[in-house]
Every structure is written in structure tokens, then in C-alpha cells.
Amino acid sequence: MSASDDSVGLDSIYDSIDTLELEYQLGNLPQGQYRDQLQAYRLEAAAVIKSQLEQGAAPPELLLEQEVIAARAELRSAESAEGTHPEPAEGWQPCPQCDAPIPAALGQSDGSCPHCGTSVSEL
């Protein structure tokens, strides 16, 4: 299957999903049938996208999305390996207990760290 065939196939799958959703909203499909068919379309779309990625013919936005996902996974992996959080940006400060970045304004209220629950009102 060529890249243009994949693109046409993906467009066709998206059109089918739109039609399926419309039919369901109109009450022409029971919920179980809707879910089953939607899952089948999702699997079809995933297979087409996987094929595009393997052939190097994926749209640029899909390639960018894959890079973002990989970078996030790498960052999470590094954070959990170190047990730390990234350096807080301006307007943020580290929690005194878990070192997670929290808004600096939270320290001026009776707030607590959303990560560990430590009171941060005395920061």
C-alpha cells in the first residue's frame, strides 16, 4: 500500500467514524454496536498510521507528535530514576517536602502541595 493509499484510507476511516457517530446520535445504533464498530475503526486507523510511520510517509504533524511522546516518556523515565522533579520555572518554587514545582502564589495562601499534600503556607 502506498503513502497516498494510506492517506485515502485514513480519510475514509475518519469519514466512517463521523457517519457512525451521527448514526448513534440519531438513535439508529445501539450503544454496544456503536462501541464495537468505533473500536474496529480505531484499530484500522492505528494500523494505517503504523504503516505510514514504518514507511516514513507519515504526515509531519504525526511525526512531531511521536517525537513529543518520546521526549515526555524520556523525561518521566529520568525523573522517576532520579526521584526528582525538573527545576521550577519563574513564578514557581520547589515544594520543601517533595521538591515538586508549585506556584509561588500558593505559598502566600493556605494551600498545600498538589503532589505530596505538605502545607506550603509558610514558604
N, C-alpha and C. Protein backbone atom coordinates (compact mmCIF):
# COMPACT_ATOMS: atom_id res chain seq x y z
N MET A 1 0.85 -1.18 0.00
CA MET A 1 0.00 0.00 0.00
C MET A 1 0.89 1.24 0.00
N SER A 2 0.64 2.19 -0.87
CA SER A 2 1.47 3.39 -0.98
C SER A 2 1.02 4.43 0.04
N ALA A 3 1.85 5.48 0.19
CA ALA A 3 1.54 6.53 1.15
C ALA A 3 0.23 7.22 0.80
N SER A 4 -0.02 7.45 -0.50
CA SER A 4 -1.26 8.10 -0.89
C SER A 4 -2.45 7.18 -0.63
N ASP A 5 -2.27 5.86 -0.79
CA ASP A 5 -3.33 4.92 -0.47
C ASP A 5 -3.64 4.96 1.02
N ASP A 6 -2.58 5.04 1.85
CA ASP A 6 -2.76 5.14 3.29
C ASP A 6 -3.54 6.39 3.65
N SER A 7 -3.19 7.51 3.01
CA SER A 7 -3.85 8.77 3.28
C SER A 7 -5.33 8.70 2.93
N VAL A 8 -5.62 8.15 1.76
CA VAL A 8 -7.01 8.00 1.33
C VAL A 8 -7.73 7.05 2.28
N GLY A 9 -7.05 5.96 2.67
CA GLY A 9 -7.64 5.00 3.60
C GLY A 9 -7.95 5.62 4.94
N LEU A 10 -7.05 6.46 5.43
CA LEU A 10 -7.26 7.12 6.71
C LEU A 10 -8.42 8.11 6.62
N ASP A 11 -8.49 8.86 5.53
CA ASP A 11 -9.61 9.78 5.34
C ASP A 11 -10.93 9.02 5.31
N SER A 12 -10.94 7.88 4.65
CA SER A 12 -12.14 7.05 4.57
C SER A 12 -12.55 6.55 5.95
N ILE A 13 -11.57 6.15 6.74
CA ILE A 13 -11.86 5.68 8.10
C ILE A 13 -12.44 6.82 8.94
N TYR A 14 -11.84 8.01 8.84
CA TYR A 14 -12.35 9.16 9.59
C TYR A 14 -13.78 9.50 9.16
N ASP A 15 -14.05 9.43 7.85
CA ASP A 15 -15.42 9.67 7.36
C ASP A 15 -16.38 8.63 7.93
N SER A 16 -15.94 7.39 7.99
CA SER A 16 -16.78 6.32 8.54
C SER A 16 -17.07 6.55 10.02
N ILE A 17 -16.08 7.03 10.74
CA ILE A 17 -16.28 7.33 12.16
C ILE A 17 -17.28 8.47 12.32
N ASP A 18 -17.17 9.51 11.49
CA ASP A 18 -18.12 10.62 11.54
C ASP A 18 -19.54 10.12 11.29
N THR A 19 -19.70 9.27 10.28
CA THR A 19 -21.01 8.71 9.95
C THR A 19 -21.54 7.86 11.10
N LEU A 20 -20.67 7.04 11.67
CA LEU A 20 -21.05 6.19 12.80
C LEU A 20 -21.54 7.04 13.97
N GLU A 21 -20.81 8.11 14.29
CA GLU A 21 -21.22 8.98 15.40
C GLU A 21 -22.56 9.64 15.13
N LEU A 22 -22.78 10.06 13.90
CA LEU A 22 -24.06 10.67 13.53
C LEU A 22 -25.19 9.65 13.68
N GLU A 23 -24.98 8.44 13.18
CA GLU A 23 -26.00 7.39 13.29
C GLU A 23 -26.32 7.09 14.75
N TYR A 24 -25.30 7.07 15.59
CA TYR A 24 -25.51 6.81 17.01
C TYR A 24 -26.28 7.95 17.66
N GLN A 25 -25.91 9.20 17.35
CA GLN A 25 -26.59 10.36 17.92
C GLN A 25 -28.05 10.43 17.49
N LEU A 26 -28.34 9.94 16.29
CA LEU A 26 -29.72 9.92 15.80
C LEU A 26 -30.52 8.77 16.39
N GLY A 27 -29.85 7.89 17.12
CA GLY A 27 -30.54 6.77 17.74
C GLY A 27 -30.71 5.57 16.84
N ASN A 28 -29.97 5.53 15.73
CA ASN A 28 -30.09 4.43 14.78
C ASN A 28 -29.21 3.23 15.14
N LEU A 29 -28.35 3.38 16.14
CA LEU A 29 -27.45 2.29 16.55
C LEU A 29 -27.53 2.09 18.06
N PRO A 30 -27.60 0.85 18.51
CA PRO A 30 -27.50 0.62 19.96
C PRO A 30 -26.07 0.90 20.43
N GLN A 31 -25.93 1.23 21.70
CA GLN A 31 -24.64 1.61 22.25
C GLN A 31 -23.58 0.53 22.06
N GLY A 32 -23.92 -0.71 22.28
CA GLY A 32 -22.95 -1.81 22.13
C GLY A 32 -22.41 -1.90 20.72
N GLN A 33 -23.30 -1.81 19.74
CA GLN A 33 -22.86 -1.87 18.34
C GLN A 33 -22.00 -0.66 17.99
N TYR A 34 -22.39 0.50 18.50
CA TYR A 34 -21.60 1.72 18.27
C TYR A 34 -20.18 1.56 18.82
N ARG A 35 -20.07 1.09 20.05
CA ARG A 35 -18.74 0.92 20.67
C ARG A 35 -17.90 -0.10 19.90
N ASP A 36 -18.51 -1.22 19.52
CA ASP A 36 -17.78 -2.25 18.79
C ASP A 36 -17.26 -1.73 17.46
N GLN A 37 -18.12 -1.03 16.72
CA GLN A 37 -17.72 -0.52 15.41
C GLN A 37 -16.68 0.59 15.55
N LEU A 38 -16.85 1.45 16.55
CA LEU A 38 -15.88 2.52 16.78
C LEU A 38 -14.51 1.93 17.10
N GLN A 39 -14.48 0.89 17.92
CA GLN A 39 -13.22 0.23 18.25
C GLN A 39 -12.58 -0.36 17.00
N ALA A 40 -13.39 -0.96 16.14
CA ALA A 40 -12.86 -1.54 14.90
C ALA A 40 -12.25 -0.45 14.01
N TYR A 41 -12.93 0.69 13.90
CA TYR A 41 -12.39 1.80 13.10
C TYR A 41 -11.09 2.34 13.70
N ARG A 42 -11.04 2.42 15.02
CA ARG A 42 -9.82 2.91 15.68
C ARG A 42 -8.65 1.98 15.40
N LEU A 43 -8.90 0.68 15.46
CA LEU A 43 -7.84 -0.28 15.16
C LEU A 43 -7.38 -0.17 13.71
N GLU A 44 -8.34 0.03 12.80
CA GLU A 44 -8.00 0.22 11.38
C GLU A 44 -7.12 1.45 11.20
N ALA A 45 -7.53 2.55 11.83
CA ALA A 45 -6.77 3.80 11.72
C ALA A 45 -5.37 3.63 12.31
N ALA A 46 -5.27 2.93 13.43
CA ALA A 46 -3.96 2.70 14.05
C ALA A 46 -3.06 1.89 13.13
N ALA A 47 -3.63 0.91 12.44
CA ALA A 47 -2.84 0.09 11.52
C ALA A 47 -2.33 0.93 10.35
N VAL A 48 -3.17 1.82 9.84
CA VAL A 48 -2.76 2.69 8.73
C VAL A 48 -1.66 3.64 9.20
N ILE A 49 -1.84 4.23 10.37
CA ILE A 49 -0.84 5.16 10.89
C ILE A 49 0.48 4.44 11.15
N LYS A 50 0.41 3.24 11.70
CA LYS A 50 1.62 2.46 11.93
C LYS A 50 2.34 2.19 10.61
N SER A 51 1.58 1.86 9.59
CA SER A 51 2.15 1.61 8.27
C SER A 51 2.84 2.87 7.74
N GLN A 52 2.19 4.02 7.92
CA GLN A 52 2.78 5.29 7.48
C GLN A 52 4.09 5.56 8.20
N LEU A 53 4.11 5.33 9.50
CA LEU A 53 5.33 5.56 10.27
C LEU A 53 6.44 4.64 9.83
N GLU A 54 6.11 3.37 9.59
CA GLU A 54 7.13 2.40 9.17
C GLU A 54 7.69 2.72 7.79
N GLN A 55 6.86 3.30 6.92
CA GLN A 55 7.30 3.64 5.57
C GLN A 55 7.97 5.01 5.53
N GLY A 56 7.92 5.74 6.63
CA GLY A 56 8.49 7.09 6.65
C GLY A 56 7.64 8.07 5.87
N ALA A 57 6.37 7.74 5.67
CA ALA A 57 5.49 8.58 4.86
C ALA A 57 4.41 9.24 5.70
N ALA A 58 4.61 9.30 7.00
CA ALA A 58 3.60 9.89 7.87
C ALA A 58 3.58 11.40 7.71
N PRO A 59 2.42 12.02 7.93
CA PRO A 59 2.35 13.48 7.87
C PRO A 59 3.27 14.10 8.93
N PRO A 60 3.81 15.29 8.66
CA PRO A 60 4.74 15.93 9.60
C PRO A 60 4.17 16.09 11.01
N GLU A 61 2.88 16.42 11.12
CA GLU A 61 2.30 16.60 12.45
C GLU A 61 2.28 15.29 13.24
N LEU A 62 2.13 14.17 12.55
CA LEU A 62 2.16 12.87 13.23
C LEU A 62 3.58 12.55 13.70
N LEU A 63 4.55 12.86 12.88
CA LEU A 63 5.95 12.65 13.27
C LEU A 63 6.31 13.52 14.47
N LEU A 64 5.85 14.77 14.46
CA LEU A 64 6.10 15.67 15.58
C LEU A 64 5.45 15.13 16.85
N GLU A 65 4.23 14.65 16.73
CA GLU A 65 3.54 14.07 17.89
C GLU A 65 4.32 12.89 18.46
N GLN A 66 4.87 12.06 17.59
CA GLN A 66 5.66 10.92 18.04
C GLN A 66 6.92 11.38 18.78
N GLU A 67 7.54 12.45 18.30
CA GLU A 67 8.73 12.99 18.97
C GLU A 67 8.38 13.55 20.34
N VAL A 68 7.23 14.23 20.44
CA VAL A 68 6.79 14.78 21.72
C VAL A 68 6.52 13.66 22.72
N ILE A 69 5.84 12.61 22.27
CA ILE A 69 5.54 11.47 23.13
C ILE A 69 6.83 10.82 23.63
N ALA A 70 7.79 10.66 22.74
CA ALA A 70 9.07 10.05 23.11
C ALA A 70 9.82 10.93 24.11
N ALA A 71 9.81 12.25 23.89
CA ALA A 71 10.50 13.17 24.80
C ALA A 71 9.86 13.15 26.18
N ARG A 72 8.53 13.13 26.23
CA ARG A 72 7.83 13.08 27.52
C ARG A 72 8.15 11.78 28.26
N ALA A 73 8.16 10.69 27.53
CA ALA A 73 8.47 9.39 28.15
C ALA A 73 9.89 9.40 28.71
N GLU A 74 10.81 9.97 27.95
CA GLU A 74 12.20 10.04 28.40
C GLU A 74 12.32 10.91 29.65
N LEU A 75 11.60 12.03 29.67
CA LEU A 75 11.63 12.93 30.83
C LEU A 75 11.05 12.23 32.05
N ARG A 76 9.91 11.55 31.89
CA ARG A 76 9.31 10.83 33.01
C ARG A 76 10.24 9.75 33.53
N SER A 77 10.89 9.06 32.61
CA SER A 77 11.81 8.00 32.99
C SER A 77 12.98 8.57 33.79
N ALA A 78 13.52 9.68 33.33
CA ALA A 78 14.65 10.31 34.03
C ALA A 78 14.22 10.81 35.40
N GLU A 79 13.01 11.39 35.48
CA GLU A 79 12.52 11.89 36.76
C GLU A 79 12.31 10.76 37.75
N SER A 80 11.71 9.67 37.31
CA SER A 80 11.47 8.57 38.25
C SER A 80 12.77 7.88 38.63
N ALA A 81 13.75 7.86 37.74
CA ALA A 81 15.04 7.26 38.07
C ALA A 81 15.77 8.10 39.12
N GLU A 82 15.65 9.41 38.99
CA GLU A 82 16.32 10.31 39.93
C GLU A 82 15.47 10.58 41.16
N GLY A 83 14.15 10.38 41.02
CA GLY A 83 13.25 10.69 42.13
C GLY A 83 13.10 12.18 42.34
N THR A 84 13.37 12.97 41.31
CA THR A 84 13.28 14.42 41.43
C THR A 84 12.34 14.97 40.37
N HIS A 85 12.08 16.23 40.50
CA HIS A 85 11.26 16.96 39.54
C HIS A 85 12.15 17.97 38.82
N PRO A 86 11.75 18.43 37.63
CA PRO A 86 12.56 19.42 36.93
C PRO A 86 12.63 20.74 37.70
N GLU A 87 13.62 21.54 37.39
CA GLU A 87 13.81 22.84 38.03
C GLU A 87 12.57 23.70 37.77
N PRO A 88 11.98 24.33 38.81
CA PRO A 88 10.79 25.14 38.61
C PRO A 88 11.06 26.36 37.74
N ALA A 89 10.09 26.74 36.94
CA ALA A 89 10.19 27.92 36.09
C ALA A 89 9.88 29.16 36.93
N GLU A 90 10.05 30.33 36.32
CA GLU A 90 9.78 31.58 37.01
C GLU A 90 8.32 31.60 37.47
N GLY A 91 8.10 32.06 38.70
CA GLY A 91 6.75 32.07 39.27
C GLY A 91 6.41 30.77 39.98
N TRP A 92 7.35 29.86 39.99
CA TRP A 92 7.18 28.57 40.65
C TRP A 92 8.31 28.38 41.64
N GLN A 93 8.10 27.53 42.60
CA GLN A 93 9.14 27.22 43.58
C GLN A 93 9.06 25.74 43.94
N PRO A 94 10.14 25.18 44.45
CA PRO A 94 10.10 23.76 44.82
C PRO A 94 9.37 23.56 46.15
N CYS A 95 8.62 22.49 46.24
CA CYS A 95 7.98 22.12 47.50
C CYS A 95 9.08 21.72 48.48
N PRO A 96 9.00 22.17 49.73
CA PRO A 96 10.04 21.83 50.70
C PRO A 96 10.09 20.34 51.05
N GLN A 97 9.00 19.63 50.82
CA GLN A 97 8.96 18.21 51.17
C GLN A 97 9.38 17.31 50.02
N CYS A 98 8.73 17.49 48.84
CA CYS A 98 8.97 16.55 47.74
C CYS A 98 9.75 17.15 46.58
N ASP A 99 10.02 18.45 46.62
CA ASP A 99 10.80 19.15 45.60
C ASP A 99 10.04 19.33 44.28
N ALA A 100 8.74 19.04 44.26
CA ALA A 100 7.94 19.25 43.05
C ALA A 100 7.72 20.74 42.83
N PRO A 101 7.65 21.20 41.58
CA PRO A 101 7.40 22.62 41.33
C PRO A 101 5.95 22.96 41.69
N ILE A 102 5.77 24.03 42.45
CA ILE A 102 4.44 24.52 42.81
C ILE A 102 4.39 26.02 42.56
N PRO A 103 3.21 26.59 42.29
CA PRO A 103 3.11 28.03 42.05
C PRO A 103 3.55 28.80 43.29
N ALA A 104 4.36 29.84 43.10
CA ALA A 104 4.84 30.65 44.22
C ALA A 104 3.68 31.28 44.97
N ALA A 105 2.61 31.63 44.27
CA ALA A 105 1.45 32.25 44.90
C ALA A 105 0.78 31.30 45.89
N LEU A 106 0.94 30.02 45.71
CA LEU A 106 0.36 29.04 46.63
C LEU A 106 0.95 29.19 48.02
N GLY A 107 2.21 29.57 48.09
CA GLY A 107 2.88 29.76 49.38
C GLY A 107 2.35 30.96 50.15
N GLN A 108 1.65 31.87 49.46
CA GLN A 108 1.10 33.05 50.11
C GLN A 108 -0.33 32.81 50.58
N SER A 109 -0.84 31.61 50.36
CA SER A 109 -2.19 31.27 50.80
C SER A 109 -2.10 30.09 51.76
N ASP A 110 -3.22 29.55 52.11
CA ASP A 110 -3.24 28.38 52.99
C ASP A 110 -3.27 27.11 52.15
N GLY A 111 -2.50 27.06 51.08
CA GLY A 111 -2.51 25.92 50.17
C GLY A 111 -1.60 24.80 50.60
N SER A 112 -1.70 23.73 49.84
CA SER A 112 -0.82 22.59 50.08
C SER A 112 -0.31 22.09 48.73
N CYS A 113 0.80 21.40 48.77
CA CYS A 113 1.41 20.87 47.55
C CYS A 113 0.47 19.84 46.93
N PRO A 114 0.17 19.98 45.63
CA PRO A 114 -0.72 19.01 44.99
C PRO A 114 -0.07 17.64 44.81
N HIS A 115 1.24 17.57 44.97
CA HIS A 115 1.95 16.30 44.78
C HIS A 115 2.01 15.47 46.06
N CYS A 116 2.33 16.13 47.19
CA CYS A 116 2.51 15.36 48.43
C CYS A 116 1.59 15.80 49.56
N GLY A 117 0.91 16.95 49.39
CA GLY A 117 -0.03 17.41 50.41
C GLY A 117 0.57 18.26 51.52
N THR A 118 1.86 18.51 51.48
CA THR A 118 2.52 19.32 52.51
C THR A 118 1.98 20.74 52.47
N SER A 119 1.71 21.31 53.66
CA SER A 119 1.27 22.69 53.75
C SER A 119 2.40 23.59 53.27
N VAL A 120 2.08 24.53 52.39
CA VAL A 120 3.12 25.41 51.85
C VAL A 120 2.83 26.87 52.21
N SER A 121 2.00 27.10 53.21
CA SER A 121 1.64 28.47 53.57
C SER A 121 2.78 29.24 54.22
N GLU A 122 3.81 28.55 54.66
CA GLU A 122 4.91 29.22 55.35
C GLU A 122 6.12 29.46 54.44
N LEU A 123 5.98 29.29 53.14
CA LEU A 123 7.12 29.44 52.22
C LEU A 123 7.44 30.89 51.98
